[in-house]
Amino acid sequence: MAKSKSIKEKGKLSFTRYFQKFSEGDPIVLTRNLSFKNDFPLRMQGRTGVVIGTRGAAYVVKVNEGNMARQYIVKAINLKKIAELKK
């Protein structure tokens, strides 16, 4: 897991990732954006889940951890859409 950006990407913010839209049922992966110094828990890095709704500008994501389903509220900059969710 990267702890810093590469030299070519330092200071850059991708507006396409910042303003991306998701709908309910979209499979996503949680990825930490290193441009923002927010409190993104490292245990959430790389987890896959499904968008189940919105809350303001953030999205409510359902992630299965073991045999428990958990819900996280994550901003769009830390989400990445994937083609298909593996089960």
N, C-alpha and C. Protein backbone atom coordinates (compact mmCIF):
# COMPACT_ATOMS: atom_id res chain seq x y z
N MET A 1 0.84 -1.16 0.00
CA MET A 1 0.00 0.00 0.00
C MET A 1 0.90 1.24 0.00
N ALA A 2 0.58 2.15 -0.88
CA ALA A 2 1.37 3.37 -1.01
C ALA A 2 1.08 4.32 0.15
N LYS A 3 2.14 4.92 0.65
CA LYS A 3 1.97 5.91 1.71
C LYS A 3 2.12 7.31 1.19
N SER A 4 2.57 7.44 -0.06
CA SER A 4 2.68 8.75 -0.67
C SER A 4 2.47 8.60 -2.17
N LYS A 5 2.18 9.71 -2.83
CA LYS A 5 1.96 9.70 -4.26
C LYS A 5 3.29 9.64 -5.00
N SER A 6 3.22 9.23 -6.27
CA SER A 6 4.42 9.26 -7.08
C SER A 6 4.76 10.71 -7.38
N ILE A 7 5.98 10.97 -7.81
CA ILE A 7 6.44 12.33 -8.02
C ILE A 7 5.65 13.03 -9.12
N LYS A 8 5.11 12.30 -10.09
CA LYS A 8 4.35 12.90 -11.18
C LYS A 8 2.93 13.30 -10.76
N GLU A 9 2.42 12.70 -9.70
CA GLU A 9 1.06 12.96 -9.27
C GLU A 9 0.97 13.85 -8.03
N LYS A 10 2.09 14.29 -7.49
CA LYS A 10 2.06 15.08 -6.26
C LYS A 10 1.29 16.37 -6.44
N GLY A 11 0.40 16.67 -5.52
CA GLY A 11 -0.35 17.90 -5.52
C GLY A 11 -1.53 17.92 -6.47
N LYS A 12 -1.66 16.89 -7.29
CA LYS A 12 -2.75 16.88 -8.26
C LYS A 12 -3.99 16.27 -7.66
N LEU A 13 -5.12 16.82 -8.04
CA LEU A 13 -6.41 16.30 -7.62
C LEU A 13 -7.21 15.98 -8.86
N SER A 14 -7.67 14.77 -8.96
CA SER A 14 -8.44 14.36 -10.12
C SER A 14 -9.89 14.80 -9.94
N PHE A 15 -10.31 15.76 -10.78
CA PHE A 15 -11.68 16.25 -10.68
C PHE A 15 -12.69 15.20 -11.12
N THR A 16 -12.29 14.30 -12.01
CA THR A 16 -13.22 13.26 -12.44
C THR A 16 -13.53 12.32 -11.29
N ARG A 17 -12.56 12.04 -10.43
CA ARG A 17 -12.82 11.19 -9.26
C ARG A 17 -13.58 11.97 -8.18
N TYR A 18 -13.35 13.27 -8.09
CA TYR A 18 -14.00 14.07 -7.08
C TYR A 18 -15.49 14.23 -7.37
N PHE A 19 -15.86 14.39 -8.65
CA PHE A 19 -17.25 14.63 -9.02
C PHE A 19 -17.94 13.40 -9.60
N GLN A 20 -17.39 12.21 -9.40
CA GLN A 20 -18.02 11.02 -9.97
C GLN A 20 -19.33 10.70 -9.25
N LYS A 21 -20.24 10.10 -9.99
CA LYS A 21 -21.57 9.77 -9.46
C LYS A 21 -21.73 8.25 -9.43
N PHE A 22 -22.41 7.79 -8.39
CA PHE A 22 -22.72 6.37 -8.25
C PHE A 22 -24.22 6.24 -8.05
N SER A 23 -24.76 5.11 -8.46
CA SER A 23 -26.16 4.82 -8.20
C SER A 23 -26.25 3.62 -7.28
N GLU A 24 -27.43 3.37 -6.75
CA GLU A 24 -27.61 2.25 -5.83
C GLU A 24 -27.33 0.94 -6.55
N GLY A 25 -26.59 0.07 -5.90
CA GLY A 25 -26.27 -1.23 -6.46
C GLY A 25 -24.96 -1.28 -7.22
N ASP A 26 -24.26 -0.15 -7.36
CA ASP A 26 -22.98 -0.14 -8.06
C ASP A 26 -21.91 -0.81 -7.19
N PRO A 27 -21.15 -1.76 -7.75
CA PRO A 27 -20.04 -2.35 -7.00
C PRO A 27 -18.86 -1.38 -6.99
N ILE A 28 -18.23 -1.21 -5.84
CA ILE A 28 -17.12 -0.27 -5.69
C ILE A 28 -16.01 -0.89 -4.85
N VAL A 29 -14.85 -0.24 -4.90
CA VAL A 29 -13.74 -0.60 -4.02
C VAL A 29 -13.33 0.68 -3.28
N LEU A 30 -13.01 0.54 -2.01
CA LEU A 30 -12.61 1.68 -1.19
C LEU A 30 -11.10 1.88 -1.34
N THR A 31 -10.70 3.04 -1.85
CA THR A 31 -9.29 3.37 -2.01
C THR A 31 -9.03 4.73 -1.40
N ARG A 32 -7.96 4.82 -0.65
CA ARG A 32 -7.61 6.08 0.01
C ARG A 32 -6.94 7.01 -0.98
N ASN A 33 -7.42 8.25 -1.05
CA ASN A 33 -6.79 9.25 -1.88
C ASN A 33 -5.79 10.00 -1.03
N LEU A 34 -4.53 10.01 -1.47
CA LEU A 34 -3.47 10.58 -0.66
C LEU A 34 -3.40 12.10 -0.74
N SER A 35 -4.21 12.73 -1.59
CA SER A 35 -4.22 14.19 -1.67
C SER A 35 -4.95 14.80 -0.47
N PHE A 36 -5.87 14.07 0.11
CA PHE A 36 -6.66 14.56 1.23
C PHE A 36 -6.12 13.99 2.52
N LYS A 37 -5.98 14.85 3.49
CA LYS A 37 -5.51 14.42 4.81
C LYS A 37 -6.72 14.20 5.71
N ASN A 38 -7.59 13.30 5.30
CA ASN A 38 -8.76 13.01 6.12
C ASN A 38 -8.52 11.73 6.90
N ASP A 39 -9.40 11.45 7.81
CA ASP A 39 -9.26 10.26 8.64
C ASP A 39 -9.89 9.08 7.94
N PHE A 40 -9.15 8.45 7.06
CA PHE A 40 -9.60 7.27 6.35
C PHE A 40 -8.95 6.07 7.01
N PRO A 41 -9.72 5.22 7.67
CA PRO A 41 -9.14 4.09 8.39
C PRO A 41 -8.42 3.12 7.44
N LEU A 42 -7.24 2.70 7.82
CA LEU A 42 -6.44 1.82 6.96
C LEU A 42 -7.10 0.45 6.80
N ARG A 43 -7.91 0.02 7.75
CA ARG A 43 -8.55 -1.29 7.63
C ARG A 43 -9.59 -1.30 6.52
N MET A 44 -10.05 -0.12 6.07
CA MET A 44 -11.02 -0.06 4.98
C MET A 44 -10.37 -0.07 3.61
N GLN A 45 -9.05 0.15 3.54
CA GLN A 45 -8.34 0.22 2.27
C GLN A 45 -8.45 -1.10 1.51
N GLY A 46 -8.94 -1.03 0.27
CA GLY A 46 -9.01 -2.20 -0.60
C GLY A 46 -10.26 -3.04 -0.44
N ARG A 47 -11.15 -2.68 0.46
CA ARG A 47 -12.39 -3.46 0.65
C ARG A 47 -13.35 -3.22 -0.50
N THR A 48 -14.10 -4.23 -0.84
CA THR A 48 -15.11 -4.09 -1.89
C THR A 48 -16.49 -4.11 -1.27
N GLY A 49 -17.41 -3.41 -1.90
CA GLY A 49 -18.76 -3.34 -1.38
C GLY A 49 -19.72 -2.84 -2.44
N VAL A 50 -20.92 -2.50 -1.97
CA VAL A 50 -22.00 -2.06 -2.85
C VAL A 50 -22.57 -0.77 -2.29
N VAL A 51 -22.84 0.19 -3.17
CA VAL A 51 -23.47 1.44 -2.77
C VAL A 51 -24.94 1.17 -2.48
N ILE A 52 -25.40 1.58 -1.28
CA ILE A 52 -26.80 1.35 -0.95
C ILE A 52 -27.59 2.64 -0.80
N GLY A 53 -26.90 3.79 -0.89
CA GLY A 53 -27.62 5.06 -0.81
C GLY A 53 -26.67 6.22 -0.70
N THR A 54 -27.24 7.41 -0.52
CA THR A 54 -26.44 8.61 -0.34
C THR A 54 -26.80 9.28 0.96
N ARG A 55 -25.87 10.05 1.47
CA ARG A 55 -26.11 10.86 2.66
C ARG A 55 -25.37 12.17 2.46
N GLY A 56 -26.10 13.16 1.97
CA GLY A 56 -25.47 14.42 1.62
C GLY A 56 -24.62 14.24 0.37
N ALA A 57 -23.36 14.64 0.44
CA ALA A 57 -22.44 14.47 -0.69
C ALA A 57 -21.71 13.14 -0.61
N ALA A 58 -21.91 12.36 0.44
CA ALA A 58 -21.22 11.09 0.62
C ALA A 58 -22.14 9.93 0.26
N TYR A 59 -21.55 8.75 0.19
CA TYR A 59 -22.30 7.55 -0.17
C TYR A 59 -22.25 6.56 0.98
N VAL A 60 -23.35 5.85 1.16
CA VAL A 60 -23.43 4.78 2.16
C VAL A 60 -23.07 3.48 1.44
N VAL A 61 -22.03 2.82 1.94
CA VAL A 61 -21.49 1.63 1.30
C VAL A 61 -21.63 0.45 2.24
N LYS A 62 -22.14 -0.67 1.71
CA LYS A 62 -22.25 -1.91 2.50
C LYS A 62 -21.08 -2.80 2.16
N VAL A 63 -20.30 -3.16 3.19
CA VAL A 63 -19.11 -3.97 3.02
C VAL A 63 -19.25 -5.20 3.90
N ASN A 64 -18.98 -6.38 3.35
CA ASN A 64 -19.01 -7.61 4.13
C ASN A 64 -17.64 -7.84 4.75
N GLU A 65 -17.61 -7.95 6.07
CA GLU A 65 -16.38 -8.26 6.79
C GLU A 65 -16.60 -9.57 7.53
N GLY A 66 -16.05 -10.63 6.99
CA GLY A 66 -16.29 -11.94 7.56
C GLY A 66 -17.72 -12.34 7.32
N ASN A 67 -18.47 -12.62 8.37
CA ASN A 67 -19.88 -12.94 8.21
C ASN A 67 -20.78 -11.81 8.71
N MET A 68 -20.23 -10.59 8.80
CA MET A 68 -21.01 -9.44 9.20
C MET A 68 -21.02 -8.40 8.09
N ALA A 69 -22.15 -7.78 7.89
CA ALA A 69 -22.24 -6.69 6.91
C ALA A 69 -22.17 -5.37 7.67
N ARG A 70 -21.29 -4.50 7.21
CA ARG A 70 -21.13 -3.20 7.86
C ARG A 70 -21.43 -2.10 6.86
N GLN A 71 -21.83 -0.95 7.37
CA GLN A 71 -22.13 0.19 6.52
C GLN A 71 -21.16 1.32 6.86
N TYR A 72 -20.57 1.90 5.82
CA TYR A 72 -19.66 3.02 5.98
C TYR A 72 -20.18 4.19 5.16
N ILE A 73 -19.92 5.39 5.63
CA ILE A 73 -20.26 6.60 4.90
C ILE A 73 -18.94 7.16 4.37
N VAL A 74 -18.80 7.17 3.04
CA VAL A 74 -17.53 7.52 2.41
C VAL A 74 -17.77 8.55 1.32
N LYS A 75 -16.86 9.51 1.20
CA LYS A 75 -16.96 10.49 0.13
C LYS A 75 -16.54 9.86 -1.19
N ALA A 76 -16.99 10.47 -2.28
CA ALA A 76 -16.78 9.90 -3.62
C ALA A 76 -15.31 9.87 -4.03
N ILE A 77 -14.48 10.73 -3.46
CA ILE A 77 -13.07 10.77 -3.82
C ILE A 77 -12.36 9.49 -3.39
N ASN A 78 -12.89 8.79 -2.39
CA ASN A 78 -12.28 7.55 -1.89
C ASN A 78 -12.93 6.30 -2.46
N LEU A 79 -13.77 6.43 -3.47
CA LEU A 79 -14.44 5.28 -4.09
C LEU A 79 -13.98 5.11 -5.53
N LYS A 80 -13.97 3.87 -5.97
CA LYS A 80 -13.62 3.56 -7.35
C LYS A 80 -14.56 2.47 -7.82
N LYS A 81 -15.19 2.70 -8.97
CA LYS A 81 -16.15 1.75 -9.50
C LYS A 81 -15.42 0.57 -10.12
N ILE A 82 -15.93 -0.63 -9.88
CA ILE A 82 -15.35 -1.84 -10.48
C ILE A 82 -16.39 -2.50 -11.36
N ALA A 83 -15.92 -3.37 -12.22
CA ALA A 83 -16.81 -3.99 -13.21
C ALA A 83 -17.80 -4.93 -12.56
N GLU A 84 -17.32 -5.83 -11.71
CA GLU A 84 -18.18 -6.84 -11.12
C GLU A 84 -17.67 -7.20 -9.76
N LEU A 85 -18.56 -7.44 -8.83
CA LEU A 85 -18.19 -7.79 -7.47
C LEU A 85 -18.03 -9.30 -7.36
N LYS A 86 -16.87 -9.76 -6.90
CA LYS A 86 -16.63 -11.19 -6.73
C LYS A 86 -17.24 -11.66 -5.43
N LYS A 87 -17.81 -12.84 -5.45
CA LYS A 87 -18.44 -13.39 -4.24
C LYS A 87 -17.70 -14.57 -3.73
